[in-house]
Amino acid sequence: MRTCTQCNKQSPDTAGECIHCGEDLSLHSATAKALKEMQSNPRVSQIRLIVAHDACPACRQNEGTYAKNATPKLPVDGCSHSTGCRCFYEPVLNVIFP
């Protein structure tokens, strides 16, 4: 499920727009917003794609650490998990304390 940051409601992974408010989920989903924030943060050197322990093969194949500009978008294309893509982003920090 994709969570819209405009109305805070969920839409299926396959939805391009929020089924409740019509916003573009490629821009206004929680994962899209998290990725954009990590990419713009100078303390983040890379972004790790974390997958669930029972992830589908498509998600498992994308698991790993990526350059900020090469991080795959979520949901993972071809995800076949019965409850939808459950992957998330984790920042790799180059500076821990200010």
PDB file of N, CA and C in Angstrom:
ATOM      1  N   MET A   1       0.841  -1.182   0.000  1.00  0.00           N
ATOM      2  CA  MET A   1       0.000   0.000   0.000  1.00  0.00           C
ATOM      3  C   MET A   1       0.886   1.244   0.000  1.00  0.00           C
ATOM      4  N   ARG A   2       0.437   2.258  -0.691  1.00  0.00           N
ATOM      5  CA  ARG A   2       1.153   3.530  -0.741  1.00  0.00           C
ATOM      6  C   ARG A   2       0.357   4.558   0.060  1.00  0.00           C
ATOM      7  N   THR A   3       1.045   5.292   0.925  1.00  0.00           N
ATOM      8  CA  THR A   3       0.383   6.300   1.745  1.00  0.00           C
ATOM      9  C   THR A   3       0.586   7.671   1.126  1.00  0.00           C
ATOM     10  N   CYS A   4      -0.504   8.359   0.878  1.00  0.00           N
ATOM     11  CA  CYS A   4      -0.483   9.704   0.311  1.00  0.00           C
ATOM     12  C   CYS A   4      -0.119  10.701   1.414  1.00  0.00           C
ATOM     13  N   THR A   5       0.828  11.575   1.142  1.00  0.00           N
ATOM     14  CA  THR A   5       1.218  12.581   2.140  1.00  0.00           C
ATOM     15  C   THR A   5       0.280  13.775   2.148  1.00  0.00           C
ATOM     16  N   GLN A   6      -0.616  13.865   1.185  1.00  0.00           N
ATOM     17  CA  GLN A   6      -1.563  14.974   1.142  1.00  0.00           C
ATOM     18  C   GLN A   6      -2.807  14.685   1.976  1.00  0.00           C
ATOM     19  N   CYS A   7      -3.352  13.477   1.860  1.00  0.00           N
ATOM     20  CA  CYS A   7      -4.585  13.145   2.596  1.00  0.00           C
ATOM     21  C   CYS A   7      -4.365  12.075   3.664  1.00  0.00           C
ATOM     22  N   ASN A   8      -3.141  11.505   3.694  1.00  0.00           N
ATOM     23  CA  ASN A   8      -2.760  10.497   4.685  1.00  0.00           C
ATOM     24  C   ASN A   8      -3.618   9.226   4.603  1.00  0.00           C
ATOM     25  N   LYS A   9      -4.041   8.879   3.385  1.00  0.00           N
ATOM     26  CA  LYS A   9      -4.800   7.653   3.171  1.00  0.00           C
ATOM     27  C   LYS A   9      -4.022   6.744   2.241  1.00  0.00           C
ATOM     28  N   GLN A  10      -4.369   5.463   2.247  1.00  0.00           N
ATOM     29  CA  GLN A  10      -3.627   4.479   1.474  1.00  0.00           C
ATOM     30  C   GLN A  10      -4.306   4.133   0.163  1.00  0.00           C
ATOM     31  N   SER A  11      -3.448   3.852  -0.824  1.00  0.00           N
ATOM     32  CA  SER A  11      -3.880   3.390  -2.144  1.00  0.00           C
ATOM     33  C   SER A  11      -3.073   2.146  -2.476  1.00  0.00           C
ATOM     34  N   PRO A  12      -3.559   1.304  -3.382  1.00  0.00           N
ATOM     35  CA  PRO A  12      -2.803   0.114  -3.773  1.00  0.00           C
ATOM     36  C   PRO A  12      -1.462   0.486  -4.412  1.00  0.00           C
ATOM     37  N   ASP A  13      -0.502  -0.437  -4.336  1.00  0.00           N
ATOM     38  CA  ASP A  13       0.813  -0.221  -4.950  1.00  0.00           C
ATOM     39  C   ASP A  13       0.711   0.123  -6.427  1.00  0.00           C
ATOM     40  N   THR A  14      -0.290  -0.396  -7.093  1.00  0.00           N
ATOM     41  CA  THR A  14      -0.436  -0.203  -8.538  1.00  0.00           C
ATOM     42  C   THR A  14      -1.022   1.149  -8.913  1.00  0.00           C
ATOM     43  N   ALA A  15      -1.516   1.887  -7.937  1.00  0.00           N
ATOM     44  CA  ALA A  15      -2.139   3.193  -8.219  1.00  0.00           C
ATOM     45  C   ALA A  15      -1.078   4.247  -8.503  1.00  0.00           C
ATOM     46  N   GLY A  16      -1.248   4.984  -9.568  1.00  0.00           N
ATOM     47  CA  GLY A  16      -0.359   6.098  -9.884  1.00  0.00           C
ATOM     48  C   GLY A  16      -0.787   7.375  -9.195  1.00  0.00           C
ATOM     49  N   GLU A  17      -2.081   7.437  -8.911  1.00  0.00           N
ATOM     50  CA  GLU A  17      -2.652   8.588  -8.214  1.00  0.00           C
ATOM     51  C   GLU A  17      -3.393   8.093  -6.986  1.00  0.00           C
ATOM     52  N   CYS A  18      -3.452   8.913  -5.965  1.00  0.00           N
ATOM     53  CA  CYS A  18      -4.190   8.582  -4.753  1.00  0.00           C
ATOM     54  C   CYS A  18      -5.654   8.364  -5.120  1.00  0.00           C
ATOM     55  N   ILE A  19      -6.214   7.246  -4.684  1.00  0.00           N
ATOM     56  CA  ILE A  19      -7.610   6.949  -5.014  1.00  0.00           C
ATOM     57  C   ILE A  19      -8.579   7.802  -4.199  1.00  0.00           C
ATOM     58  N   HIS A  20      -8.073   8.532  -3.219  1.00  0.00           N
ATOM     59  CA  HIS A  20      -8.926   9.360  -2.373  1.00  0.00           C
ATOM     60  C   HIS A  20      -8.906  10.830  -2.787  1.00  0.00           C
ATOM     61  N   CYS A  21      -7.710  11.374  -3.058  1.00  0.00           N
ATOM     62  CA  CYS A  21      -7.619  12.810  -3.359  1.00  0.00           C
ATOM     63  C   CYS A  21      -7.068  13.108  -4.749  1.00  0.00           C
ATOM     64  N   GLY A  22      -6.569  12.090  -5.464  1.00  0.00           N
ATOM     65  CA  GLY A  22      -6.108  12.280  -6.827  1.00  0.00           C
ATOM     66  C   GLY A  22      -4.684  12.781  -6.985  1.00  0.00           C
ATOM     67  N   GLU A  23      -3.927  12.933  -5.883  1.00  0.00           N
ATOM     68  CA  GLU A  23      -2.541  13.413  -5.983  1.00  0.00           C
ATOM     69  C   GLU A  23      -1.651  12.373  -6.648  1.00  0.00           C
ATOM     70  N   ASP A  24      -0.611  12.834  -7.321  1.00  0.00           N
ATOM     71  CA  ASP A  24       0.365  11.984  -7.987  1.00  0.00           C
ATOM     72  C   ASP A  24       1.223  11.302  -6.919  1.00  0.00           C
ATOM     73  N   LEU A  25       1.122   9.977  -6.816  1.00  0.00           N
ATOM     74  CA  LEU A  25       1.853   9.250  -5.775  1.00  0.00           C
ATOM     75  C   LEU A  25       3.347   9.124  -6.064  1.00  0.00           C
ATOM     76  N   SER A  26       3.766   9.385  -7.301  1.00  0.00           N
ATOM     77  CA  SER A  26       5.207   9.377  -7.574  1.00  0.00           C
ATOM     78  C   SER A  26       5.876  10.584  -6.921  1.00  0.00           C
ATOM     79  N   LEU A  27       5.083  11.585  -6.569  1.00  0.00           N
ATOM     80  CA  LEU A  27       5.591  12.779  -5.881  1.00  0.00           C
ATOM     81  C   LEU A  27       5.123  12.867  -4.432  1.00  0.00           C
ATOM     82  N   HIS A  28       3.903  12.406  -4.174  1.00  0.00           N
ATOM     83  CA  HIS A  28       3.272  12.637  -2.882  1.00  0.00           C
ATOM     84  C   HIS A  28       3.027  11.380  -2.052  1.00  0.00           C
ATOM     85  N   SER A  29       3.766  10.302  -2.312  1.00  0.00           N
ATOM     86  CA  SER A  29       3.661   9.141  -1.428  1.00  0.00           C
ATOM     87  C   SER A  29       4.703   9.299  -0.319  1.00  0.00           C
ATOM     88  N   ALA A  30       4.498   8.604   0.771  1.00  0.00           N
ATOM     89  CA  ALA A  30       5.428   8.693   1.901  1.00  0.00           C
ATOM     90  C   ALA A  30       6.832   8.241   1.493  1.00  0.00           C
ATOM     91  N   THR A  31       6.930   7.192   0.675  1.00  0.00           N
ATOM     92  CA  THR A  31       8.253   6.716   0.273  1.00  0.00           C
ATOM     93  C   THR A  31       8.925   7.675  -0.708  1.00  0.00           C
ATOM     94  N   ALA A  32       8.164   8.272  -1.612  1.00  0.00           N
ATOM     95  CA  ALA A  32       8.741   9.246  -2.547  1.00  0.00           C
ATOM     96  C   ALA A  32       9.272  10.461  -1.794  1.00  0.00           C
ATOM     97  N   LYS A  33       8.522  10.903  -0.810  1.00  0.00           N
ATOM     98  CA  LYS A  33       8.939  12.054  -0.019  1.00  0.00           C
ATOM     99  C   LYS A  33      10.183  11.720   0.815  1.00  0.00           C
ATOM    100  N   ALA A  34      10.220  10.523   1.404  1.00  0.00           N
ATOM    101  CA  ALA A  34      11.385  10.100   2.191  1.00  0.00           C
ATOM    102  C   ALA A  34      12.633  10.030   1.318  1.00  0.00           C
ATOM    103  N   LEU A  35      12.494   9.478   0.114  1.00  0.00           N
ATOM    104  CA  LEU A  35      13.633   9.387  -0.798  1.00  0.00           C
ATOM    105  C   LEU A  35      14.144  10.779  -1.161  1.00  0.00           C
ATOM    106  N   LYS A  36      13.251  11.677  -1.491  1.00  0.00           N
ATOM    107  CA  LYS A  36      13.646  13.038  -1.868  1.00  0.00           C
ATOM    108  C   LYS A  36      14.375  13.734  -0.714  1.00  0.00           C
ATOM    109  N   GLU A  37      13.881  13.570   0.499  1.00  0.00           N
ATOM    110  CA  GLU A  37      14.529  14.190   1.660  1.00  0.00           C
ATOM    111  C   GLU A  37      15.924  13.616   1.888  1.00  0.00           C
ATOM    112  N   MET A  38      16.077  12.305   1.745  1.00  0.00           N
ATOM    113  CA  MET A  38      17.393  11.683   1.909  1.00  0.00           C
ATOM    114  C   MET A  38      18.352  12.134   0.813  1.00  0.00           C
ATOM    115  N   GLN A  39      17.859  12.225  -0.411  1.00  0.00           N
ATOM    116  CA  GLN A  39      18.711  12.643  -1.522  1.00  0.00           C
ATOM    117  C   GLN A  39      19.198  14.078  -1.353  1.00  0.00           C
ATOM    118  N   SER A  40      18.398  14.927  -0.732  1.00  0.00           N
ATOM    119  CA  SER A  40      18.792  16.329  -0.569  1.00  0.00           C
ATOM    120  C   SER A  40      19.592  16.583   0.711  1.00  0.00           C
ATOM    121  N   ASN A  41      19.700  15.601   1.575  1.00  0.00           N
ATOM    122  CA  ASN A  41      20.420  15.762   2.840  1.00  0.00           C
ATOM    123  C   ASN A  41      21.918  15.530   2.621  1.00  0.00           C
ATOM    124  N   PRO A  42      22.774  16.528   2.880  1.00  0.00           N
ATOM    125  CA  PRO A  42      24.202  16.357   2.658  1.00  0.00           C
ATOM    126  C   PRO A  42      24.862  15.364   3.618  1.00  0.00           C
ATOM    127  N   ARG A  43      24.222  15.056   4.726  1.00  0.00           N
ATOM    128  CA  ARG A  43      24.774  14.084   5.673  1.00  0.00           C
ATOM    129  C   ARG A  43      24.577  12.648   5.208  1.00  0.00           C
ATOM    130  N   VAL A  44      23.686  12.446   4.246  1.00  0.00           N
ATOM    131  CA  VAL A  44      23.416  11.109   3.709  1.00  0.00           C
ATOM    132  C   VAL A  44      24.353  10.873   2.525  1.00  0.00           C
ATOM    133  N   SER A  45      25.175   9.826   2.635  1.00  0.00           N
ATOM    134  CA  SER A  45      26.117   9.528   1.549  1.00  0.00           C
ATOM    135  C   SER A  45      25.552   8.511   0.559  1.00  0.00           C
ATOM    136  N   GLN A  46      24.742   7.579   1.050  1.00  0.00           N
ATOM    137  CA  GLN A  46      24.121   6.555   0.220  1.00  0.00           C
ATOM    138  C   GLN A  46      22.759   6.223   0.825  1.00  0.00           C
ATOM    139  N   ILE A  47      21.975   5.445   0.079  1.00  0.00           N
ATOM    140  CA  ILE A  47      20.660   5.038   0.570  1.00  0.00           C
ATOM    141  C   ILE A  47      20.550   3.526   0.442  1.00  0.00           C
ATOM    142  N   ARG A  48      20.140   2.912   1.544  1.00  0.00           N
ATOM    143  CA  ARG A  48      20.001   1.467   1.596  1.00  0.00           C
ATOM    144  C   ARG A  48      18.531   1.105   1.403  1.00  0.00           C
ATOM    145  N   LEU A  49      18.281   0.104   0.558  1.00  0.00           N
ATOM    146  CA  LEU A  49      16.927  -0.412   0.360  1.00  0.00           C
ATOM    147  C   LEU A  49      16.796  -1.660   1.228  1.00  0.00           C
ATOM    148  N   ILE A  50      15.930  -1.568   2.221  1.00  0.00           N
ATOM    149  CA  ILE A  50      15.709  -2.650   3.174  1.00  0.00           C
ATOM    150  C   ILE A  50      14.468  -3.422   2.747  1.00  0.00           C
ATOM    151  N   VAL A  51      14.553  -4.757   2.808  1.00  0.00           N
ATOM    152  CA  VAL A  51      13.413  -5.593   2.438  1.00  0.00           C
ATOM    153  C   VAL A  51      13.001  -6.456   3.627  1.00  0.00           C
ATOM    154  N   ALA A  52      11.741  -6.864   3.639  1.00  0.00           N
ATOM    155  CA  ALA A  52      11.207  -7.715   4.703  1.00  0.00           C
ATOM    156  C   ALA A  52      11.824  -9.109   4.629  1.00  0.00           C
ATOM    157  N   HIS A  53      11.789  -9.822   5.744  1.00  0.00           N
ATOM    158  CA  HIS A  53      12.375 -11.162   5.795  1.00  0.00           C
ATOM    159  C   HIS A  53      11.683 -12.138   4.838  1.00  0.00           C
ATOM    160  N   ASP A  54      10.430 -11.890   4.526  1.00  0.00           N
ATOM    161  CA  ASP A  54       9.701 -12.767   3.608  1.00  0.00           C
ATOM    162  C   ASP A  54       9.413 -12.070   2.275  1.00  0.00           C
ATOM    163  N   ALA A  55      10.341 -11.245   1.850  1.00  0.00           N
ATOM    164  CA  ALA A  55      10.162 -10.455   0.628  1.00  0.00           C
ATOM    165  C   ALA A  55      10.051 -11.345  -0.602  1.00  0.00           C
ATOM    166  N   CYS A  56       9.384 -10.800  -1.606  1.00  0.00           N
ATOM    167  CA  CYS A  56       9.248 -11.510  -2.881  1.00  0.00           C
ATOM    168  C   CYS A  56      10.589 -11.466  -3.626  1.00  0.00           C
ATOM    169  N   PRO A  57      10.744 -12.272  -4.670  1.00  0.00           N
ATOM    170  CA  PRO A  57      12.011 -12.288  -5.417  1.00  0.00           C
ATOM    171  C   PRO A  57      12.392 -10.929  -6.015  1.00  0.00           C
ATOM    172  N   ALA A  58      11.422 -10.163  -6.498  1.00  0.00           N
ATOM    173  CA  ALA A  58      11.729  -8.858  -7.096  1.00  0.00           C
ATOM    174  C   ALA A  58      12.317  -7.913  -6.050  1.00  0.00           C
ATOM    175  N   CYS A  59      11.733  -7.892  -4.875  1.00  0.00           N
ATOM    176  CA  CYS A  59      12.246  -7.028  -3.808  1.00  0.00           C
ATOM    177  C   CYS A  59      13.608  -7.519  -3.332  1.00  0.00           C
ATOM    178  N   ARG A  60      13.735  -8.824  -3.147  1.00  0.00           N
ATOM    179  CA  ARG A  60      15.003  -9.405  -2.682  1.00  0.00           C
ATOM    180  C   ARG A  60      16.131  -9.053  -3.653  1.00  0.00           C
ATOM    181  N   GLN A  61      15.843  -9.034  -4.937  1.00  0.00           N
ATOM    182  CA  GLN A  61      16.848  -8.717  -5.952  1.00  0.00           C
ATOM    183  C   GLN A  61      17.313  -7.261  -5.861  1.00  0.00           C
ATOM    184  N   ASN A  62      16.449  -6.362  -5.391  1.00  0.00           N
ATOM    185  CA  ASN A  62      16.790  -4.944  -5.297  1.00  0.00           C
ATOM    186  C   ASN A  62      17.393  -4.546  -3.956  1.00  0.00           C
ATOM    187  N   GLU A  63      17.425  -5.467  -3.010  1.00  0.00           N
ATOM    188  CA  GLU A  63      17.988  -5.177  -1.696  1.00  0.00           C
ATOM    189  C   GLU A  63      19.454  -4.755  -1.835  1.00  0.00           C
ATOM    190  N   GLY A  64      19.846  -3.706  -1.114  1.00  0.00           N
ATOM    191  CA  GLY A  64      21.240  -3.284  -1.157  1.00  0.00           C
ATOM    192  C   GLY A  64      21.399  -1.803  -0.904  1.00  0.00           C
ATOM    193  N   THR A  65      22.632  -1.334  -1.097  1.00  0.00           N
ATOM    194  CA  THR A  65      22.980   0.062  -0.874  1.00  0.00           C
ATOM    195  C   THR A  65      23.262   0.717  -2.220  1.00  0.00           C
ATOM    196  N   TYR A  66      22.721   1.922  -2.398  1.00  0.00           N
ATOM    197  CA  TYR A  66      22.786   2.616  -3.681  1.00  0.00           C
ATOM    198  C   TYR A  66      23.334   4.027  -3.520  1.00  0.00           C
ATOM    199  N   ALA A  67      23.929   4.526  -4.600  1.00  0.00           N
ATOM    200  CA  ALA A  67      24.253   5.950  -4.674  1.00  0.00           C
ATOM    201  C   ALA A  67      22.933   6.711  -4.603  1.00  0.00           C
ATOM    202  N   LYS A  68      22.968   7.904  -4.053  1.00  0.00           N
ATOM    203  CA  LYS A  68      21.734   8.668  -3.847  1.00  0.00           C
ATOM    204  C   LYS A  68      20.925   8.856  -5.121  1.00  0.00           C
ATOM    205  N   ASN A  69      21.587   9.056  -6.234  1.00  0.00           N
ATOM    206  CA  ASN A  69      20.870   9.309  -7.491  1.00  0.00           C
ATOM    207  C   ASN A  69      20.526   8.027  -8.257  1.00  0.00           C
ATOM    208  N   ALA A  70      20.887   6.861  -7.719  1.00  0.00           N
ATOM    209  CA  ALA A  70      20.620   5.593  -8.398  1.00  0.00           C
ATOM    210  C   ALA A  70      19.705   4.676  -7.581  1.00  0.00           C
ATOM    211  N   THR A  71      19.074   5.207  -6.569  1.00  0.00           N
ATOM    212  CA  THR A  71      18.202   4.412  -5.701  1.00  0.00           C
ATOM    213  C   THR A  71      16.901   4.073  -6.425  1.00  0.00           C
ATOM    214  N   PRO A  72      16.506   2.798  -6.429  1.00  0.00           N
ATOM    215  CA  PRO A  72      15.243   2.433  -7.090  1.00  0.00           C
ATOM    216  C   PRO A  72      14.033   3.056  -6.383  1.00  0.00           C
ATOM    217  N   LYS A  73      13.024   3.342  -7.144  1.00  0.00           N
ATOM    218  CA  LYS A  73      11.783   3.888  -6.596  1.00  0.00           C
ATOM    219  C   LYS A  73      10.965   2.766  -5.962  1.00  0.00           C
ATOM    220  N   LEU A  74      10.179   3.129  -4.980  1.00  0.00           N
ATOM    221  CA  LEU A  74       9.268   2.191  -4.334  1.00  0.00           C
ATOM    222  C   LEU A  74       7.838   2.557  -4.697  1.00  0.00           C
ATOM    223  N   PRO A  75       6.955   1.601  -4.877  1.00  0.00           N
ATOM    224  CA  PRO A  75       7.144   0.168  -4.707  1.00  0.00           C
ATOM    225  C   PRO A  75       8.018  -0.414  -5.814  1.00  0.00           C
ATOM    226  N   VAL A  76       8.690  -1.514  -5.496  1.00  0.00           N
ATOM    227  CA  VAL A  76       9.573  -2.178  -6.451  1.00  0.00           C
ATOM    228  C   VAL A  76       8.736  -2.704  -7.617  1.00  0.00           C
ATOM    229  N   ASP A  77       9.190  -2.415  -8.838  1.00  0.00           N
ATOM    230  CA  ASP A  77       8.504  -2.949 -10.027  1.00  0.00           C
ATOM    231  C   ASP A  77       8.518  -4.474  -9.974  1.00  0.00           C
ATOM    232  N   GLY A  78       7.368  -5.070 -10.176  1.00  0.00           N
ATOM    233  CA  GLY A  78       7.271  -6.524 -10.194  1.00  0.00           C
ATOM    234  C   GLY A  78       7.090  -7.159  -8.826  1.00  0.00           C
ATOM    235  N   CYS A  79       6.885  -6.367  -7.787  1.00  0.00           N
ATOM    236  CA  CYS A  79       6.661  -6.925  -6.456  1.00  0.00           C
ATOM    237  C   CYS A  79       5.425  -7.813  -6.506  1.00  0.00           C
ATOM    238  N   SER A  80       5.563  -9.019  -5.960  1.00  0.00           N
ATOM    239  CA  SER A  80       4.457  -9.970  -5.999  1.00  0.00           C
ATOM    240  C   SER A  80       3.987 -10.388  -4.602  1.00  0.00           C
ATOM    241  N   HIS A  81       4.391  -9.662  -3.574  1.00  0.00           N
ATOM    242  CA  HIS A  81       3.967 -10.020  -2.222  1.00  0.00           C
ATOM    243  C   HIS A  81       2.460  -9.799  -2.082  1.00  0.00           C
ATOM    244  N   SER A  82       1.800 -10.668  -1.385  1.00  0.00           N
ATOM    245  CA  SER A  82       0.332 -10.613  -1.271  1.00  0.00           C
ATOM    246  C   SER A  82      -0.174  -9.338  -0.600  1.00  0.00           C
ATOM    247  N   THR A  83       0.623  -8.719   0.253  1.00  0.00           N
ATOM    248  CA  THR A  83       0.194  -7.479   0.909  1.00  0.00           C
ATOM    249  C   THR A  83       0.825  -6.240   0.283  1.00  0.00           C
ATOM    250  N   GLY A  84       1.531  -6.412  -0.820  1.00  0.00           N
ATOM    251  CA  GLY A  84       2.175  -5.286  -1.492  1.00  0.00           C
ATOM    252  C   GLY A  84       3.612  -5.097  -1.039  1.00  0.00           C
ATOM    253  N   CYS A  85       4.276  -4.176  -1.664  1.00  0.00           N
ATOM    254  CA  CYS A  85       5.689  -3.921  -1.386  1.00  0.00           C
ATOM    255  C   CYS A  85       5.861  -3.369   0.027  1.00  0.00           C
ATOM    256  N   ARG A  86       6.731  -4.008   0.782  1.00  0.00           N
ATOM    257  CA  ARG A  86       6.980  -3.583   2.152  1.00  0.00           C
ATOM    258  C   ARG A  86       8.431  -3.159   2.340  1.00  0.00           C
ATOM    259  N   CYS A  87       9.085  -2.771   1.256  1.00  0.00           N
ATOM    260  CA  CYS A  87      10.457  -2.282   1.323  1.00  0.00           C
ATOM    261  C   CYS A  87      10.452  -0.852   1.861  1.00  0.00           C
ATOM    262  N   PHE A  88      11.598  -0.432   2.377  1.00  0.00           N
ATOM    263  CA  PHE A  88      11.726   0.955   2.810  1.00  0.00           C
ATOM    264  C   PHE A  88      13.168   1.408   2.669  1.00  0.00           C
ATOM    265  N   TYR A  89      13.351   2.718   2.746  1.00  0.00           N
ATOM    266  CA  TYR A  89      14.670   3.324   2.617  1.00  0.00           C
ATOM    267  C   TYR A  89      15.295   3.547   3.983  1.00  0.00           C
ATOM    268  N   GLU A  90      16.625   3.439   4.010  1.00  0.00           N
ATOM    269  CA  GLU A  90      17.389   3.731   5.217  1.00  0.00           C
ATOM    270  C   GLU A  90      18.606   4.546   4.793  1.00  0.00           C
ATOM    271  N   PRO A  91      18.850   5.694   5.434  1.00  0.00           N
ATOM    272  CA  PRO A  91      20.003   6.506   5.037  1.00  0.00           C
ATOM    273  C   PRO A  91      21.303   5.910   5.547  1.00  0.00           C
ATOM    274  N   VAL A  92      22.355   6.071   4.762  1.00  0.00           N
ATOM    275  CA  VAL A  92      23.709   5.768   5.202  1.00  0.00           C
ATOM    276  C   VAL A  92      24.353   7.130   5.424  1.00  0.00           C
ATOM    277  N   LEU A  93      24.677   7.422   6.678  1.00  0.00           N
ATOM    278  CA  LEU A  93      25.185   8.741   7.033  1.00  0.00           C
ATOM    279  C   LEU A  93      26.700   8.805   6.943  1.00  0.00           C
ATOM    280  N   ASN A  94      27.198   9.942   6.439  1.00  0.00           N
ATOM    281  CA  ASN A  94      28.637  10.146   6.435  1.00  0.00           C
ATOM    282  C   ASN A  94      29.076  10.971   7.638  1.00  0.00           C
ATOM    283  N   VAL A  95      28.129  11.605   8.311  1.00  0.00           N
ATOM    284  CA  VAL A  95      28.380  12.365   9.526  1.00  0.00           C
ATOM    285  C   VAL A  95      27.300  11.973  10.531  1.00  0.00           C
ATOM    286  N   ILE A  96      27.701  11.459  11.674  1.00  0.00           N
ATOM    287  CA  ILE A  96      26.717  11.023  12.670  1.00  0.00           C
ATOM    288  C   ILE A  96      26.296  12.177  13.571  1.00  0.00           C
ATOM    289  N   PHE A  97      27.245  12.942  14.059  1.00  0.00           N
ATOM    290  CA  PHE A  97      26.935  14.061  14.956  1.00  0.00           C
ATOM    291  C   PHE A  97      27.307  15.374  14.289  1.00  0.00           C
ATOM    292  N   PRO A  98      26.582  16.453  14.640  1.00  0.00           N
ATOM    293  CA  PRO A  98      26.850  17.763  14.025  1.00  0.00           C
ATOM    294  C   PRO A  98      28.228  18.302  14.279  1.00  0.00           C
TER     295      PRO A  98
END
